[in-house]
Amino acid sequence: EALSAQLQVVYEHRSRLERSLQKERG
């Protein structure tokens, strides 16, 4: 559960980073 929670945070952070990266790429 702790790992899932951490993974969820990591996914959300990755999602934000991907959006930010997409925006930066644009």
mmCIF file of all heavy atoms, coordinates in Angstrom:
data_MODEL
# 
_entry.id   MODEL 
# 
loop_
_atom_site.group_PDB 
_atom_site.id 
_atom_site.type_symbol 
_atom_site.label_atom_id 
_atom_site.label_alt_id 
_atom_site.label_comp_id 
_atom_site.label_asym_id 
_atom_site.label_entity_id 
_atom_site.label_seq_id 
_atom_site.pdbx_PDB_ins_code 
_atom_site.Cartn_x 
_atom_site.Cartn_y 
_atom_site.Cartn_z 
_atom_site.occupancy 
_atom_site.B_iso_or_equiv 
_atom_site.pdbx_formal_charge 
_atom_site.auth_seq_id 
_atom_site.auth_comp_id 
_atom_site.auth_asym_id 
_atom_site.auth_atom_id 
_atom_site.pdbx_PDB_model_num 
ATOM 1   N N   . GLU A 1 1  ? 0.832  -1.208 0.000   1.00 0.00 ? 1  GLU A N   1 
ATOM 2   C CA  . GLU A 1 1  ? 0.000  0.000  0.000   1.00 0.00 ? 1  GLU A CA  1 
ATOM 3   C C   . GLU A 1 1  ? 0.865  1.256  0.000   1.00 0.00 ? 1  GLU A C   1 
ATOM 4   O O   . GLU A 1 1  ? 0.575  2.229  -0.705  1.00 0.00 ? 1  GLU A O   1 
ATOM 5   C CB  . GLU A 1 1  ? -0.933 -0.024 1.225   1.00 0.00 ? 1  GLU A CB  1 
ATOM 6   C CG  . GLU A 1 1  ? -2.058 -1.039 1.096   1.00 0.00 ? 1  GLU A CG  1 
ATOM 7   C CD  . GLU A 1 1  ? -2.912 -1.134 2.366   1.00 0.00 ? 1  GLU A CD  1 
ATOM 8   O OE1 . GLU A 1 1  ? -2.539 -0.440 3.361   1.00 0.00 ? 1  GLU A OE1 1 
ATOM 9   O OE2 . GLU A 1 1  ? -3.929 -1.844 2.353   1.00 0.00 ? 1  GLU A OE2 1 
ATOM 10  N N   . ALA A 1 2  ? 1.927  1.200  0.845   1.00 0.00 ? 2  ALA A N   1 
ATOM 11  C CA  . ALA A 1 2  ? 2.842  2.350  0.889   1.00 0.00 ? 2  ALA A CA  1 
ATOM 12  C C   . ALA A 1 2  ? 3.498  2.549  -0.469  1.00 0.00 ? 2  ALA A C   1 
ATOM 13  O O   . ALA A 1 2  ? 3.607  3.673  -0.985  1.00 0.00 ? 2  ALA A O   1 
ATOM 14  C CB  . ALA A 1 2  ? 3.896  2.153  1.968   1.00 0.00 ? 2  ALA A CB  1 
ATOM 15  N N   . LEU A 1 3  ? 3.922  1.366  -1.063  1.00 0.00 ? 3  LEU A N   1 
ATOM 16  C CA  . LEU A 1 3  ? 4.542  1.458  -2.390  1.00 0.00 ? 3  LEU A CA  1 
ATOM 17  C C   . LEU A 1 3  ? 3.541  1.955  -3.435  1.00 0.00 ? 3  LEU A C   1 
ATOM 18  O O   . LEU A 1 3  ? 3.881  2.733  -4.333  1.00 0.00 ? 3  LEU A O   1 
ATOM 19  C CB  . LEU A 1 3  ? 5.113  0.101  -2.796  1.00 0.00 ? 3  LEU A CB  1 
ATOM 20  C CG  . LEU A 1 3  ? 6.419  -0.310 -2.078  1.00 0.00 ? 3  LEU A CG  1 
ATOM 21  C CD1 . LEU A 1 3  ? 6.783  -1.756 -2.439  1.00 0.00 ? 3  LEU A CD1 1 
ATOM 22  C CD2 . LEU A 1 3  ? 7.553  0.622  -2.481  1.00 0.00 ? 3  LEU A CD2 1 
ATOM 23  N N   . SER A 1 4  ? 2.262  1.492  -3.316  1.00 0.00 ? 4  SER A N   1 
ATOM 24  C CA  . SER A 1 4  ? 1.227  1.940  -4.250  1.00 0.00 ? 4  SER A CA  1 
ATOM 25  C C   . SER A 1 4  ? 1.015  3.451  -4.127  1.00 0.00 ? 4  SER A C   1 
ATOM 26  O O   . SER A 1 4  ? 0.869  4.168  -5.138  1.00 0.00 ? 4  SER A O   1 
ATOM 27  C CB  . SER A 1 4  ? -0.091 1.213  -3.965  1.00 0.00 ? 4  SER A CB  1 
ATOM 28  O OG  . SER A 1 4  ? 0.007  -0.137 -4.321  1.00 0.00 ? 4  SER A OG  1 
ATOM 29  N N   . ALA A 1 5  ? 0.973  3.880  -2.830  1.00 0.00 ? 5  ALA A N   1 
ATOM 30  C CA  . ALA A 1 5  ? 0.803  5.321  -2.609  1.00 0.00 ? 5  ALA A CA  1 
ATOM 31  C C   . ALA A 1 5  ? 1.983  6.093  -3.201  1.00 0.00 ? 5  ALA A C   1 
ATOM 32  O O   . ALA A 1 5  ? 1.812  7.116  -3.898  1.00 0.00 ? 5  ALA A O   1 
ATOM 33  C CB  . ALA A 1 5  ? 0.650  5.613  -1.128  1.00 0.00 ? 5  ALA A CB  1 
ATOM 34  N N   . GLN A 1 6  ? 3.198  5.569  -2.941  1.00 0.00 ? 6  GLN A N   1 
ATOM 35  C CA  . GLN A 1 6  ? 4.386  6.220  -3.495  1.00 0.00 ? 6  GLN A CA  1 
ATOM 36  C C   . GLN A 1 6  ? 4.371  6.196  -5.024  1.00 0.00 ? 6  GLN A C   1 
ATOM 37  O O   . GLN A 1 6  ? 4.719  7.171  -5.697  1.00 0.00 ? 6  GLN A O   1 
ATOM 38  C CB  . GLN A 1 6  ? 5.663  5.549  -2.969  1.00 0.00 ? 6  GLN A CB  1 
ATOM 39  C CG  . GLN A 1 6  ? 5.933  5.842  -1.505  1.00 0.00 ? 6  GLN A CG  1 
ATOM 40  C CD  . GLN A 1 6  ? 7.184  5.108  -0.997  1.00 0.00 ? 6  GLN A CD  1 
ATOM 41  O OE1 . GLN A 1 6  ? 7.825  4.379  -1.767  1.00 0.00 ? 6  GLN A OE1 1 
ATOM 42  N NE2 . GLN A 1 6  ? 7.508  5.307  0.255   1.00 0.00 ? 6  GLN A NE2 1 
ATOM 43  N N   . LEU A 1 7  ? 3.942  5.015  -5.548  1.00 0.00 ? 7  LEU A N   1 
ATOM 44  C CA  . LEU A 1 7  ? 3.887  4.876  -7.013  1.00 0.00 ? 7  LEU A CA  1 
ATOM 45  C C   . LEU A 1 7  ? 2.861  5.836  -7.588  1.00 0.00 ? 7  LEU A C   1 
ATOM 46  O O   . LEU A 1 7  ? 3.086  6.434  -8.656  1.00 0.00 ? 7  LEU A O   1 
ATOM 47  C CB  . LEU A 1 7  ? 3.534  3.415  -7.360  1.00 0.00 ? 7  LEU A CB  1 
ATOM 48  C CG  . LEU A 1 7  ? 3.629  3.045  -8.836  1.00 0.00 ? 7  LEU A CG  1 
ATOM 49  C CD1 . LEU A 1 7  ? 5.057  3.234  -9.342  1.00 0.00 ? 7  LEU A CD1 1 
ATOM 50  C CD2 . LEU A 1 7  ? 3.218  1.586  -9.051  1.00 0.00 ? 7  LEU A CD2 1 
ATOM 51  N N   . GLN A 1 8  ? 1.721  5.999  -6.865  1.00 0.00 ? 8  GLN A N   1 
ATOM 52  C CA  . GLN A 1 8  ? 0.691  6.949  -7.311  1.00 0.00 ? 8  GLN A CA  1 
ATOM 53  C C   . GLN A 1 8  ? 1.275  8.368  -7.356  1.00 0.00 ? 8  GLN A C   1 
ATOM 54  O O   . GLN A 1 8  ? 1.050  9.111  -8.316  1.00 0.00 ? 8  GLN A O   1 
ATOM 55  C CB  . GLN A 1 8  ? -0.510 6.896  -6.357  1.00 0.00 ? 8  GLN A CB  1 
ATOM 56  C CG  . GLN A 1 8  ? -1.675 7.774  -6.773  1.00 0.00 ? 8  GLN A CG  1 
ATOM 57  C CD  . GLN A 1 8  ? -2.326 7.302  -8.066  1.00 0.00 ? 8  GLN A CD  1 
ATOM 58  O OE1 . GLN A 1 8  ? -2.330 6.090  -8.357  1.00 0.00 ? 8  GLN A OE1 1 
ATOM 59  N NE2 . GLN A 1 8  ? -2.841 8.250  -8.849  1.00 0.00 ? 8  GLN A NE2 1 
ATOM 60  N N   . VAL A 1 9  ? 2.036  8.711  -6.295  1.00 0.00 ? 9  VAL A N   1 
ATOM 61  C CA  . VAL A 1 9  ? 2.678  10.049 -6.256  1.00 0.00 ? 9  VAL A CA  1 
ATOM 62  C C   . VAL A 1 9  ? 3.654  10.183 -7.409  1.00 0.00 ? 9  VAL A C   1 
ATOM 63  O O   . VAL A 1 9  ? 3.718  11.220 -8.094  1.00 0.00 ? 9  VAL A O   1 
ATOM 64  C CB  . VAL A 1 9  ? 3.381  10.252 -4.897  1.00 0.00 ? 9  VAL A CB  1 
ATOM 65  C CG1 . VAL A 1 9  ? 4.247  11.519 -4.927  1.00 0.00 ? 9  VAL A CG1 1 
ATOM 66  C CG2 . VAL A 1 9  ? 2.369  10.356 -3.776  1.00 0.00 ? 9  VAL A CG2 1 
ATOM 67  N N   . VAL A 1 10 ? 4.419  9.061  -7.606  1.00 0.00 ? 10 VAL A N   1 
ATOM 68  C CA  . VAL A 1 10 ? 5.400  9.077  -8.705  1.00 0.00 ? 10 VAL A CA  1 
ATOM 69  C C   . VAL A 1 10 ? 4.683  9.233  -10.040 1.00 0.00 ? 10 VAL A C   1 
ATOM 70  O O   . VAL A 1 10 ? 5.097  10.000 -10.921 1.00 0.00 ? 10 VAL A O   1 
ATOM 71  C CB  . VAL A 1 10 ? 6.266  7.800  -8.684  1.00 0.00 ? 10 VAL A CB  1 
ATOM 72  C CG1 . VAL A 1 10 ? 7.060  7.680  -9.962  1.00 0.00 ? 10 VAL A CG1 1 
ATOM 73  C CG2 . VAL A 1 10 ? 7.195  7.825  -7.480  1.00 0.00 ? 10 VAL A CG2 1 
ATOM 74  N N   . TYR A 1 11 ? 3.547  8.489  -10.246 1.00 0.00 ? 11 TYR A N   1 
ATOM 75  C CA  . TYR A 1 11 ? 2.777  8.605  -11.502 1.00 0.00 ? 11 TYR A CA  1 
ATOM 76  C C   . TYR A 1 11 ? 2.254  10.026 -11.716 1.00 0.00 ? 11 TYR A C   1 
ATOM 77  O O   . TYR A 1 11 ? 2.324  10.576 -12.815 1.00 0.00 ? 11 TYR A O   1 
ATOM 78  C CB  . TYR A 1 11 ? 1.620  7.610  -11.494 1.00 0.00 ? 11 TYR A CB  1 
ATOM 79  C CG  . TYR A 1 11 ? 2.009  6.191  -11.852 1.00 0.00 ? 11 TYR A CG  1 
ATOM 80  C CD1 . TYR A 1 11 ? 1.330  5.086  -11.313 1.00 0.00 ? 11 TYR A CD1 1 
ATOM 81  C CD2 . TYR A 1 11 ? 3.052  5.955  -12.749 1.00 0.00 ? 11 TYR A CD2 1 
ATOM 82  C CE1 . TYR A 1 11 ? 1.692  3.779  -11.645 1.00 0.00 ? 11 TYR A CE1 1 
ATOM 83  C CE2 . TYR A 1 11 ? 3.411  4.654  -13.075 1.00 0.00 ? 11 TYR A CE2 1 
ATOM 84  C CZ  . TYR A 1 11 ? 2.732  3.583  -12.529 1.00 0.00 ? 11 TYR A CZ  1 
ATOM 85  O OH  . TYR A 1 11 ? 3.101  2.301  -12.852 1.00 0.00 ? 11 TYR A OH  1 
ATOM 86  N N   . GLU A 1 12 ? 1.700  10.575 -10.588 1.00 0.00 ? 12 GLU A N   1 
ATOM 87  C CA  . GLU A 1 12 ? 1.175  11.948 -10.697 1.00 0.00 ? 12 GLU A CA  1 
ATOM 88  C C   . GLU A 1 12 ? 2.303  12.935 -11.040 1.00 0.00 ? 12 GLU A C   1 
ATOM 89  O O   . GLU A 1 12 ? 2.147  13.822 -11.878 1.00 0.00 ? 12 GLU A O   1 
ATOM 90  C CB  . GLU A 1 12 ? 0.488  12.349 -9.385  1.00 0.00 ? 12 GLU A CB  1 
ATOM 91  C CG  . GLU A 1 12 ? -0.848 11.656 -9.174  1.00 0.00 ? 12 GLU A CG  1 
ATOM 92  C CD  . GLU A 1 12 ? -1.459 11.993 -7.830  1.00 0.00 ? 12 GLU A CD  1 
ATOM 93  O OE1 . GLU A 1 12 ? -0.820 12.803 -7.085  1.00 0.00 ? 12 GLU A OE1 1 
ATOM 94  O OE2 . GLU A 1 12 ? -2.557 11.503 -7.527  1.00 0.00 ? 12 GLU A OE2 1 
ATOM 95  N N   . HIS A 1 13 ? 3.442  12.739 -10.344 1.00 0.00 ? 13 HIS A N   1 
ATOM 96  C CA  . HIS A 1 13 ? 4.599  13.615 -10.621 1.00 0.00 ? 13 HIS A CA  1 
ATOM 97  C C   . HIS A 1 13 ? 5.072  13.441 -12.052 1.00 0.00 ? 13 HIS A C   1 
ATOM 98  O O   . HIS A 1 13 ? 5.387  14.426 -12.743 1.00 0.00 ? 13 HIS A O   1 
ATOM 99  C CB  . HIS A 1 13 ? 5.722  13.280 -9.623  1.00 0.00 ? 13 HIS A CB  1 
ATOM 100 C CG  . HIS A 1 13 ? 6.907  14.191 -9.746  1.00 0.00 ? 13 HIS A CG  1 
ATOM 101 N ND1 . HIS A 1 13 ? 6.831  15.553 -9.518  1.00 0.00 ? 13 HIS A ND1 1 
ATOM 102 C CD2 . HIS A 1 13 ? 8.208  13.931 -10.078 1.00 0.00 ? 13 HIS A CD2 1 
ATOM 103 C CE1 . HIS A 1 13 ? 8.013  16.091 -9.710  1.00 0.00 ? 13 HIS A CE1 1 
ATOM 104 N NE2 . HIS A 1 13 ? 8.881  15.111 -10.050 1.00 0.00 ? 13 HIS A NE2 1 
ATOM 105 N N   . ARG A 1 14 ? 5.089  12.134 -12.482 1.00 0.00 ? 14 ARG A N   1 
ATOM 106 C CA  . ARG A 1 14 ? 5.506  11.879 -13.862 1.00 0.00 ? 14 ARG A CA  1 
ATOM 107 C C   . ARG A 1 14 ? 4.532  12.507 -14.842 1.00 0.00 ? 14 ARG A C   1 
ATOM 108 O O   . ARG A 1 14 ? 4.928  13.070 -15.868 1.00 0.00 ? 14 ARG A O   1 
ATOM 109 C CB  . ARG A 1 14 ? 5.581  10.355 -14.093 1.00 0.00 ? 14 ARG A CB  1 
ATOM 110 C CG  . ARG A 1 14 ? 6.037  10.016 -15.484 1.00 0.00 ? 14 ARG A CG  1 
ATOM 111 C CD  . ARG A 1 14 ? 6.020  8.529  -15.711 1.00 0.00 ? 14 ARG A CD  1 
ATOM 112 N NE  . ARG A 1 14 ? 6.277  8.224  -17.087 1.00 0.00 ? 14 ARG A NE  1 
ATOM 113 C CZ  . ARG A 1 14 ? 6.123  7.038  -17.643 1.00 0.00 ? 14 ARG A CZ  1 
ATOM 114 N NH1 . ARG A 1 14 ? 5.689  6.024  -16.894 1.00 0.00 ? 14 ARG A NH1 1 
ATOM 115 N NH2 . ARG A 1 14 ? 6.395  6.836  -18.905 1.00 0.00 ? 14 ARG A NH2 1 
ATOM 116 N N   . SER A 1 15 ? 3.208  12.409 -14.519 1.00 0.00 ? 15 SER A N   1 
ATOM 117 C CA  . SER A 1 15 ? 2.192  12.998 -15.382 1.00 0.00 ? 15 SER A CA  1 
ATOM 118 C C   . SER A 1 15 ? 2.383  14.505 -15.475 1.00 0.00 ? 15 SER A C   1 
ATOM 119 O O   . SER A 1 15 ? 2.312  15.099 -16.558 1.00 0.00 ? 15 SER A O   1 
ATOM 120 C CB  . SER A 1 15 ? 0.810  12.654 -14.840 1.00 0.00 ? 15 SER A CB  1 
ATOM 121 O OG  . SER A 1 15 ? -0.189 13.265 -15.621 1.00 0.00 ? 15 SER A OG  1 
ATOM 122 N N   . ARG A 1 16 ? 2.632  15.134 -14.301 1.00 0.00 ? 16 ARG A N   1 
ATOM 123 C CA  . ARG A 1 16 ? 2.880  16.577 -14.312 1.00 0.00 ? 16 ARG A CA  1 
ATOM 124 C C   . ARG A 1 16 ? 4.128  16.909 -15.122 1.00 0.00 ? 16 ARG A C   1 
ATOM 125 O O   . ARG A 1 16 ? 4.144  17.865 -15.895 1.00 0.00 ? 16 ARG A O   1 
ATOM 126 C CB  . ARG A 1 16 ? 3.034  17.102 -12.883 1.00 0.00 ? 16 ARG A CB  1 
ATOM 127 C CG  . ARG A 1 16 ? 1.701  17.250 -12.138 1.00 0.00 ? 16 ARG A CG  1 
ATOM 128 C CD  . ARG A 1 16 ? 1.850  18.143 -10.916 1.00 0.00 ? 16 ARG A CD  1 
ATOM 129 N NE  . ARG A 1 16 ? 2.843  17.660 -9.962  1.00 0.00 ? 16 ARG A NE  1 
ATOM 130 C CZ  . ARG A 1 16 ? 2.587  16.800 -8.989  1.00 0.00 ? 16 ARG A CZ  1 
ATOM 131 N NH1 . ARG A 1 16 ? 1.366  16.292 -8.824  1.00 0.00 ? 16 ARG A NH1 1 
ATOM 132 N NH2 . ARG A 1 16 ? 3.537  16.446 -8.166  1.00 0.00 ? 16 ARG A NH2 1 
ATOM 133 N N   . LEU A 1 17 ? 5.173  16.065 -14.900 1.00 0.00 ? 17 LEU A N   1 
ATOM 134 C CA  . LEU A 1 17 ? 6.408  16.305 -15.654 1.00 0.00 ? 17 LEU A CA  1 
ATOM 135 C C   . LEU A 1 17 ? 6.199  16.146 -17.160 1.00 0.00 ? 17 LEU A C   1 
ATOM 136 O O   . LEU A 1 17 ? 6.732  16.917 -17.961 1.00 0.00 ? 17 LEU A O   1 
ATOM 137 C CB  . LEU A 1 17 ? 7.516  15.350 -15.181 1.00 0.00 ? 17 LEU A CB  1 
ATOM 138 C CG  . LEU A 1 17 ? 8.139  15.670 -13.823 1.00 0.00 ? 17 LEU A CG  1 
ATOM 139 C CD1 . LEU A 1 17 ? 9.140  14.575 -13.435 1.00 0.00 ? 17 LEU A CD1 1 
ATOM 140 C CD2 . LEU A 1 17 ? 8.853  17.017 -13.871 1.00 0.00 ? 17 LEU A CD2 1 
ATOM 141 N N   . GLU A 1 18 ? 5.381  15.111 -17.551 1.00 0.00 ? 18 GLU A N   1 
ATOM 142 C CA  . GLU A 1 18 ? 5.107  14.899 -18.973 1.00 0.00 ? 18 GLU A CA  1 
ATOM 143 C C   . GLU A 1 18 ? 4.324  16.073 -19.554 1.00 0.00 ? 18 GLU A C   1 
ATOM 144 O O   . GLU A 1 18 ? 4.613  16.539 -20.670 1.00 0.00 ? 18 GLU A O   1 
ATOM 145 C CB  . GLU A 1 18 ? 4.334  13.600 -19.160 1.00 0.00 ? 18 GLU A CB  1 
ATOM 146 C CG  . GLU A 1 18 ? 5.209  12.347 -19.090 1.00 0.00 ? 18 GLU A CG  1 
ATOM 147 C CD  . GLU A 1 18 ? 4.408  11.068 -19.293 1.00 0.00 ? 18 GLU A CD  1 
ATOM 148 O OE1 . GLU A 1 18 ? 3.158  11.165 -19.342 1.00 0.00 ? 18 GLU A OE1 1 
ATOM 149 O OE2 . GLU A 1 18 ? 5.033  10.006 -19.418 1.00 0.00 ? 18 GLU A OE2 1 
ATOM 150 N N   . ARG A 1 19 ? 3.309  16.572 -18.762 1.00 0.00 ? 19 ARG A N   1 
ATOM 151 C CA  . ARG A 1 19 ? 2.552  17.739 -19.244 1.00 0.00 ? 19 ARG A CA  1 
ATOM 152 C C   . ARG A 1 19 ? 3.472  18.960 -19.383 1.00 0.00 ? 19 ARG A C   1 
ATOM 153 O O   . ARG A 1 19 ? 3.423  19.684 -20.374 1.00 0.00 ? 19 ARG A O   1 
ATOM 154 C CB  . ARG A 1 19 ? 1.403  18.050 -18.281 1.00 0.00 ? 19 ARG A CB  1 
ATOM 155 C CG  . ARG A 1 19 ? 0.222  17.090 -18.418 1.00 0.00 ? 19 ARG A CG  1 
ATOM 156 C CD  . ARG A 1 19 ? -1.030 17.647 -17.758 1.00 0.00 ? 19 ARG A CD  1 
ATOM 157 N NE  . ARG A 1 19 ? -0.861 17.936 -16.333 1.00 0.00 ? 19 ARG A NE  1 
ATOM 158 C CZ  . ARG A 1 19 ? -1.059 17.032 -15.369 1.00 0.00 ? 19 ARG A CZ  1 
ATOM 159 N NH1 . ARG A 1 19 ? -1.418 15.770 -15.657 1.00 0.00 ? 19 ARG A NH1 1 
ATOM 160 N NH2 . ARG A 1 19 ? -0.895 17.368 -14.107 1.00 0.00 ? 19 ARG A NH2 1 
ATOM 161 N N   . SER A 1 20 ? 4.305  19.117 -18.327 1.00 0.00 ? 20 SER A N   1 
ATOM 162 C CA  . SER A 1 20 ? 5.244  20.234 -18.369 1.00 0.00 ? 20 SER A CA  1 
ATOM 163 C C   . SER A 1 20 ? 6.209  20.102 -19.545 1.00 0.00 ? 20 SER A C   1 
ATOM 164 O O   . SER A 1 20 ? 6.507  21.070 -20.256 1.00 0.00 ? 20 SER A O   1 
ATOM 165 C CB  . SER A 1 20 ? 6.014  20.305 -17.055 1.00 0.00 ? 20 SER A CB  1 
ATOM 166 O OG  . SER A 1 20 ? 6.959  21.351 -17.081 1.00 0.00 ? 20 SER A OG  1 
ATOM 167 N N   . LEU A 1 21 ? 6.681  18.827 -19.745 1.00 0.00 ? 21 LEU A N   1 
ATOM 168 C CA  . LEU A 1 21 ? 7.589  18.564 -20.858 1.00 0.00 ? 21 LEU A CA  1 
ATOM 169 C C   . LEU A 1 21 ? 6.898  18.827 -22.188 1.00 0.00 ? 21 LEU A C   1 
ATOM 170 O O   . LEU A 1 21 ? 7.495  19.423 -23.107 1.00 0.00 ? 21 LEU A O   1 
ATOM 171 C CB  . LEU A 1 21 ? 8.097  17.117 -20.788 1.00 0.00 ? 21 LEU A CB  1 
ATOM 172 C CG  . LEU A 1 21 ? 9.074  16.698 -21.887 1.00 0.00 ? 21 LEU A CG  1 
ATOM 173 C CD1 . LEU A 1 21 ? 10.354 17.526 -21.818 1.00 0.00 ? 21 LEU A CD1 1 
ATOM 174 C CD2 . LEU A 1 21 ? 9.406  15.212 -21.763 1.00 0.00 ? 21 LEU A CD2 1 
ATOM 175 N N   . GLN A 1 22 ? 5.621  18.404 -22.288 1.00 0.00 ? 22 GLN A N   1 
ATOM 176 C CA  . GLN A 1 22 ? 4.853  18.639 -23.513 1.00 0.00 ? 22 GLN A CA  1 
ATOM 177 C C   . GLN A 1 22 ? 4.715  20.135 -23.770 1.00 0.00 ? 22 GLN A C   1 
ATOM 178 O O   . GLN A 1 22 ? 4.870  20.604 -24.900 1.00 0.00 ? 22 GLN A O   1 
ATOM 179 C CB  . GLN A 1 22 ? 3.470  17.974 -23.390 1.00 0.00 ? 22 GLN A CB  1 
ATOM 180 C CG  . GLN A 1 22 ? 2.725  17.853 -24.710 1.00 0.00 ? 22 GLN A CG  1 
ATOM 181 C CD  . GLN A 1 22 ? 3.405  16.867 -25.652 1.00 0.00 ? 22 GLN A CD  1 
ATOM 182 O OE1 . GLN A 1 22 ? 4.075  15.935 -25.227 1.00 0.00 ? 22 GLN A OE1 1 
ATOM 183 N NE2 . GLN A 1 22 ? 3.266  17.099 -26.945 1.00 0.00 ? 22 GLN A NE2 1 
ATOM 184 N N   . LYS A 1 23 ? 4.392  20.849 -22.661 1.00 0.00 ? 23 LYS A N   1 
ATOM 185 C CA  . LYS A 1 23 ? 4.250  22.297 -22.790 1.00 0.00 ? 23 LYS A CA  1 
ATOM 186 C C   . LYS A 1 23 ? 5.575  22.940 -23.214 1.00 0.00 ? 23 LYS A C   1 
ATOM 187 O O   . LYS A 1 23 ? 5.619  23.807 -24.097 1.00 0.00 ? 23 LYS A O   1 
ATOM 188 C CB  . LYS A 1 23 ? 3.799  22.869 -21.440 1.00 0.00 ? 23 LYS A CB  1 
ATOM 189 C CG  . LYS A 1 23 ? 3.515  24.360 -21.476 1.00 0.00 ? 23 LYS A CG  1 
ATOM 190 C CD  . LYS A 1 23 ? 3.067  24.840 -20.099 1.00 0.00 ? 23 LYS A CD  1 
ATOM 191 C CE  . LYS A 1 23 ? 2.887  26.358 -20.105 1.00 0.00 ? 23 LYS A CE  1 
ATOM 192 N NZ  . LYS A 1 23 ? 2.567  26.871 -18.762 1.00 0.00 ? 23 LYS A NZ  1 
ATOM 193 N N   . GLU A 1 24 ? 6.664  22.472 -22.563 1.00 0.00 ? 24 GLU A N   1 
ATOM 194 C CA  . GLU A 1 24 ? 7.989  22.990 -22.905 1.00 0.00 ? 24 GLU A CA  1 
ATOM 195 C C   . GLU A 1 24 ? 8.330  22.683 -24.354 1.00 0.00 ? 24 GLU A C   1 
ATOM 196 O O   . GLU A 1 24 ? 8.910  23.519 -25.061 1.00 0.00 ? 24 GLU A O   1 
ATOM 197 C CB  . GLU A 1 24 ? 9.062  22.394 -21.976 1.00 0.00 ? 24 GLU A CB  1 
ATOM 198 C CG  . GLU A 1 24 ? 9.070  22.938 -20.567 1.00 0.00 ? 24 GLU A CG  1 
ATOM 199 C CD  . GLU A 1 24 ? 9.512  24.391 -20.525 1.00 0.00 ? 24 GLU A CD  1 
ATOM 200 O OE1 . GLU A 1 24 ? 10.333 24.789 -21.365 1.00 0.00 ? 24 GLU A OE1 1 
ATOM 201 O OE2 . GLU A 1 24 ? 8.995  25.135 -19.670 1.00 0.00 ? 24 GLU A OE2 1 
ATOM 202 N N   . ARG A 1 25 ? 7.962  21.439 -24.777 1.00 0.00 ? 25 ARG A N   1 
ATOM 203 C CA  . ARG A 1 25 ? 8.228  21.070 -26.172 1.00 0.00 ? 25 ARG A CA  1 
ATOM 204 C C   . ARG A 1 25 ? 7.446  21.977 -27.138 1.00 0.00 ? 25 ARG A C   1 
ATOM 205 O O   . ARG A 1 25 ? 7.964  22.399 -28.172 1.00 0.00 ? 25 ARG A O   1 
ATOM 206 C CB  . ARG A 1 25 ? 7.857  19.609 -26.409 1.00 0.00 ? 25 ARG A CB  1 
ATOM 207 C CG  . ARG A 1 25 ? 8.925  18.650 -25.949 1.00 0.00 ? 25 ARG A CG  1 
ATOM 208 C CD  . ARG A 1 25 ? 8.510  17.221 -26.191 1.00 0.00 ? 25 ARG A CD  1 
ATOM 209 N NE  . ARG A 1 25 ? 9.539  16.288 -25.768 1.00 0.00 ? 25 ARG A NE  1 
ATOM 210 C CZ  . ARG A 1 25 ? 9.352  14.988 -25.610 1.00 0.00 ? 25 ARG A CZ  1 
ATOM 211 N NH1 . ARG A 1 25 ? 8.141  14.474 -25.807 1.00 0.00 ? 25 ARG A NH1 1 
ATOM 212 N NH2 . ARG A 1 25 ? 10.341 14.201 -25.239 1.00 0.00 ? 25 ARG A NH2 1 
ATOM 213 N N   . GLY A 1 26 ? 6.149  22.222 -26.764 1.00 0.00 ? 26 GLY A N   1 
ATOM 214 C CA  . GLY A 1 26 ? 5.337  23.117 -27.596 1.00 0.00 ? 26 GLY A CA  1 
ATOM 215 C C   . GLY A 1 26 ? 5.943  24.513 -27.661 1.00 0.00 ? 26 GLY A C   1 
ATOM 216 O O   . GLY A 1 26 ? 6.058  25.109 -28.747 1.00 0.00 ? 26 GLY A O   1 
# 
